[in-house]
Structure formats: structure tokens, C-alpha cells
C-alpha atoms as a PDB file:
ATOM      1  CA  MET A   1      17.748  -6.124  49.718  1.00  0.00           C
ATOM      2  CA  ASN A   2      20.614  -4.350  48.076  1.00  0.00           C
ATOM      3  CA  GLN A   3      20.702  -7.722  45.815  1.00  0.00           C
ATOM      4  CA  LYS A   4      17.499  -6.972  44.629  1.00  0.00           C
ATOM      5  CA  LYS A   5      18.250  -3.424  43.878  1.00  0.00           C
ATOM      6  CA  ILE A   6      20.984  -4.492  42.218  1.00  0.00           C
ATOM      7  CA  ALA A   7      18.613  -7.325  40.094  1.00  0.00           C
ATOM      8  CA  ILE A   8      16.608  -4.572  39.085  1.00  0.00           C
ATOM      9  CA  SER A   9      19.226  -1.934  38.017  1.00  0.00           C
ATOM     10  CA  ILE A  10      21.019  -4.877  35.721  1.00  0.00           C
ATOM     11  CA  ILE A  11      17.531  -5.619  34.557  1.00  0.00           C
ATOM     12  CA  LEU A  12      17.282  -2.148  33.677  1.00  0.00           C
ATOM     13  CA  ILE A  13      20.584  -1.770  31.633  1.00  0.00           C
ATOM     14  CA  ILE A  14      19.943  -4.784  29.673  1.00  0.00           C
ATOM     15  CA  CYS A  15      16.378  -3.224  28.919  1.00  0.00           C
ATOM     16  CA  PHE A  16      17.140  -0.482  27.487  1.00  0.00           C
ATOM     17  CA  LEU A  17      20.594   0.204  27.215  1.00  0.00           C
ATOM     18  CA  ILE A  18      21.431  -2.855  25.556  1.00  0.00           C
ATOM     19  CA  PRO A  19      19.058  -2.321  22.933  1.00  0.00           C
ATOM     20  CA  ALA A  20      19.855   1.412  22.297  1.00  0.00           C
ATOM     21  CA  MET A  21      23.483   0.226  21.509  1.00  0.00           C
ATOM     22  CA  LEU A  22      22.379  -2.702  19.446  1.00  0.00           C
ATOM     23  CA  PHE A  23      20.165   0.201  17.744  1.00  0.00           C
ATOM     24  CA  ALA A  24      23.061   2.591  16.798  1.00  0.00           C
ATOM     25  CA  GLN A  25      25.544   0.032  16.339  1.00  0.00           C
ATOM     26  CA  GLY A  26      23.223  -1.011  13.594  1.00  0.00           C
ATOM     27  CA  ILE A  27      22.554   2.403  11.777  1.00  0.00           C
ATOM     28  CA  LYS A  28      26.320   3.108  11.794  1.00  0.00           C
ATOM     29  CA  GLU A  29      27.198  -0.032   9.983  1.00  0.00           C
ATOM     30  CA  ARG A  30      24.258   0.717   7.481  1.00  0.00           C
ATOM     31  CA  MET A  31      25.691   4.054   7.004  1.00  0.00           C
ATOM     32  CA  LYS A  32      29.286   2.965   6.819  1.00  0.00           C
ATOM     33  CA  GLU A  33      28.229   0.562   3.884  1.00  0.00           C
ATOM     34  CA  ARG A  34      26.353   3.910   1.797  1.00  0.00           C
ATOM     35  CA  LEU A  35      29.309   5.947   2.121  1.00  0.00           C
ATOM     36  CA  PRO A  36      31.156   5.041  -1.010  1.00  0.00           C
ATOM     37  CA  VAL A  37      28.088   5.246  -2.893  1.00  0.00           C
ATOM     38  CA  ILE A  38      26.896   8.999  -1.431  1.00  0.00           C
ATOM     39  CA  ILE A  39      30.797   9.878  -2.206  1.00  0.00           C
ATOM     40  CA  GLU A  40      30.215   9.220  -5.301  1.00  0.00           C
ATOM     41  CA  LEU A  41      27.385  10.725  -5.800  1.00  0.00           C
ATOM     42  CA  LYS A  42      28.357  13.828  -4.382  1.00  0.00           C
ATOM     43  CA  ALA A  43      31.543  13.986  -6.628  1.00  0.00           C
ATOM     44  CA  LYS A  44      29.269  13.256  -9.839  1.00  0.00           C
ATOM     45  CA  GLY A  45      27.162  16.705  -8.531  1.00  0.00           C
ATOM     46  CA  ILE A  46      24.128  14.666  -7.987  1.00  0.00           C
ATOM     47  CA  ILE A  47      23.471  15.158  -4.233  1.00  0.00           C
ATOM     48  CA  GLY A  48      24.788  17.874  -1.746  1.00  0.00           C
ATOM     49  CA  GLU A  49      24.058  18.438   1.974  1.00  0.00           C
ATOM     50  CA  ASN A  50      21.284  20.750   2.874  1.00  0.00           C
ATOM     51  CA  TYR A  51      21.230  23.263   5.818  1.00  0.00           C
ATOM     52  CA  GLN A  52      18.848  20.422   7.326  1.00  0.00           C
ATOM     53  CA  GLY A  53      21.443  17.921   7.670  1.00  0.00           C
ATOM     54  CA  TYR A  54      20.320  15.776   5.098  1.00  0.00           C
ATOM     55  CA  LEU A  55      21.200  14.783   1.669  1.00  0.00           C
ATOM     56  CA  ALA A  56      19.267  16.299  -1.146  1.00  0.00           C
ATOM     57  CA  PHE A  57      19.405  16.016  -5.096  1.00  0.00           C
ATOM     58  CA  LEU A  58      20.413  18.653  -6.948  1.00  0.00           C
ATOM     59  CA  SER A  59      18.609  17.766 -10.310  1.00  0.00           C
ATOM     60  CA  ASP A  60      15.956  16.064 -11.554  1.00  0.00           C
ATOM     61  CA  ASN A  61      18.691  13.012 -12.028  1.00  0.00           C
ATOM     62  CA  LYS A  62      17.497  11.043  -8.939  1.00  0.00           C
ATOM     63  CA  GLU A  63      20.609   8.370  -8.938  1.00  0.00           C
ATOM     64  CA  GLY A  64      20.960   6.635  -6.066  1.00  0.00           C
ATOM     65  CA  LEU A  65      17.293   7.145  -5.016  1.00  0.00           C
ATOM     66  CA  LYS A  66      16.874   4.337  -2.543  1.00  0.00           C
ATOM     67  CA  VAL A  67      20.828   4.978  -0.924  1.00  0.00           C
ATOM     68  CA  VAL A  68      19.617   8.758  -0.358  1.00  0.00           C
ATOM     69  CA  GLU A  69      16.294   7.838   0.878  1.00  0.00           C
ATOM     70  CA  ASP A  70      17.878   4.942   3.260  1.00  0.00           C
ATOM     71  CA  GLU A  71      20.798   7.585   4.073  1.00  0.00           C
ATOM     72  CA  ASN A  72      18.289  10.557   5.368  1.00  0.00           C
ATOM     73  CA  SER A  73      16.034   8.153   7.051  1.00  0.00           C
ATOM     74  CA  ASP A  74      18.788   7.111   9.403  1.00  0.00           C
ATOM     75  CA  ARG A  75      19.650  10.658  10.035  1.00  0.00           C
ATOM     76  CA  GLU A  76      16.324  11.607  11.091  1.00  0.00           C
ATOM     77  CA  LYS A  77      16.494   8.434  13.691  1.00  0.00           C
ATOM     78  CA  ILE A  78      19.939   9.993  14.693  1.00  0.00           C
ATOM     79  CA  TYR A  79      18.973  13.133  14.789  1.00  0.00           C
ATOM     80  CA  SER A  80      15.535  12.594  17.120  1.00  0.00           C
ATOM     81  CA  TYR A  81      17.850  10.404  19.384  1.00  0.00           C
ATOM     82  CA  ILE A  82      19.702  12.913  20.134  1.00  0.00           C
ATOM     83  CA  ALA A  83      16.510  15.599  20.539  1.00  0.00           C
ATOM     84  CA  LYS A  84      15.382  13.309  23.008  1.00  0.00           C
ATOM     85  CA  LYS A  85      18.698  13.172  24.910  1.00  0.00           C
ATOM     86  CA  GLU A  86      19.453  17.284  24.831  1.00  0.00           C
ATOM     87  CA  GLY A  87      15.839  18.374  25.153  1.00  0.00           C
ATOM     88  CA  ALA A  88      16.320  20.078  21.762  1.00  0.00           C
ATOM     89  CA  THR A  89      14.254  19.752  18.538  1.00  0.00           C
ATOM     90  CA  ILE A  90      15.131  16.952  15.463  1.00  0.00           C
ATOM     91  CA  GLU A  91      15.378  20.288  13.190  1.00  0.00           C
ATOM     92  CA  LEU A  92      18.322  22.119  15.297  1.00  0.00           C
ATOM     93  CA  VAL A  93      20.230  18.780  16.393  1.00  0.00           C
ATOM     94  CA  GLY A  94      20.314  18.505  11.814  1.00  0.00           C
ATOM     95  CA  GLN A  95      21.214  21.668  11.336  1.00  0.00           C
ATOM     96  CA  ARG A  96      23.783  21.982  13.916  1.00  0.00           C
ATOM     97  CA  ARG A  97      25.050  18.519  12.639  1.00  0.00           C
ATOM     98  CA  ALA A  98      25.053  20.400   8.637  1.00  0.00           C
ATOM     99  CA  LYS A  99      27.505  22.886  10.201  1.00  0.00           C
ATOM    100  CA  LYS A 100      29.644  20.229  10.832  1.00  0.00           C
ATOM    101  CA  ILE A 101      29.450  18.112   8.046  1.00  0.00           C
ATOM    102  CA  ALA A 102      30.324  21.600   5.826  1.00  0.00           C
ATOM    103  CA  GLU A 103      33.098  21.931   8.128  1.00  0.00           C
ATOM    104  CA  HIS A 104      34.724  18.338   6.627  1.00  0.00           C
ATOM    105  CA  ALA A 105      32.769  18.326   3.404  1.00  0.00           C
ATOM    106  CA  ASN A 106      35.356  17.635   0.383  1.00  0.00           C
ATOM    107  CA  PRO A 107      36.308  20.079  -2.191  1.00  0.00           C
ATOM    108  CA  GLY A 108      33.985  20.084  -5.035  1.00  0.00           C
ATOM    109  CA  ASP A 109      30.865  18.717  -2.530  1.00  0.00           C
ATOM    110  CA  PHE A 110      27.715  21.166  -2.871  1.00  0.00           C
ATOM    111  CA  LEU A 111      26.517  22.512   0.460  1.00  0.00           C
ATOM    112  CA  GLN A 112      23.220  24.418   1.289  1.00  0.00           C
ATOM    113  CA  LYS A 113      23.039  27.870   3.203  1.00  0.00           C
ATOM    114  CA  GLU A 114      20.542  28.497   5.220  1.00  0.00           C
ATOM    115  CA  ASP A 115      18.964  30.809   2.614  1.00  0.00           C
ATOM    116  CA  GLY A 116      18.100  27.770   0.562  1.00  0.00           C
ATOM    117  CA  THR A 117      21.274  28.428  -1.781  1.00  0.00           C
ATOM    118  CA  TRP A 118      23.997  25.862  -2.578  1.00  0.00           C
ATOM    119  CA  TYR A 119      27.696  26.490  -3.334  1.00  0.00           C
ATOM    120  CA  GLN A 120      30.440  24.426  -4.260  1.00  0.00           C
ATOM    121  CA  LYS A 121      33.311  23.811  -1.299  1.00  0.00           C
END
């Protein structure tokens, strides 16, 4: 009976934990690949970090639109995963992440305050 319980536990780990790890690893790799473009877009003043933990365009210039959309999509997936794990909302997770992003932002990066105004670090 104990061997059966162990086997079932191993199967559950394989079925649930490994796909989650692979999912997270794929997102991490995609985000790492996009990072140089995001840094460049921030340095040009095209995008900034909003108070909800997502990238946002600062004007009508949509250079890098696909990169920004893909990054925000992956961020939303991560925030959703964390929210479910912590019993929080996606919005709260994003806002917490936005504060961490602001702390580590490069000088010159644009950040958004909770009131919607933008400032340059």
C-alpha cells in the first residue's frame, strides 16, 4: 500500500509540478530575450513602467509594439500564477511588482505614480 501511495505522489508531481516549472522557464527565457529591446525602448523614452506592473507607451510612437505586448502578456501570466498561489488579485500582485521595478529602475526610466502621472527616475 505504501508503494502505491508513493507512486501516486510521484505521478502527481510529474503531472503538476514539472509542467509548471517548464511553463515558468519558458516565460523566463522569453523575457530574458526581450530585455535588451525593452532597455533600449526605455532609454529612448518610448515606454515606461506603469503603476500596475506593465509596460506602457508614453506617446503615439509604438516602436516595439510586439515586444511590449508579448512582455505584458507574460507578466500577466506570472502575476496570475502568483495571485492564485497567494490568494491575492492579479492587480495587487502587479502593483507590488511595479514598486519593486521602480526601486531597481535605471536613471532616466519613466515610471508611473498611482495617480497616473509619469516621472523620470
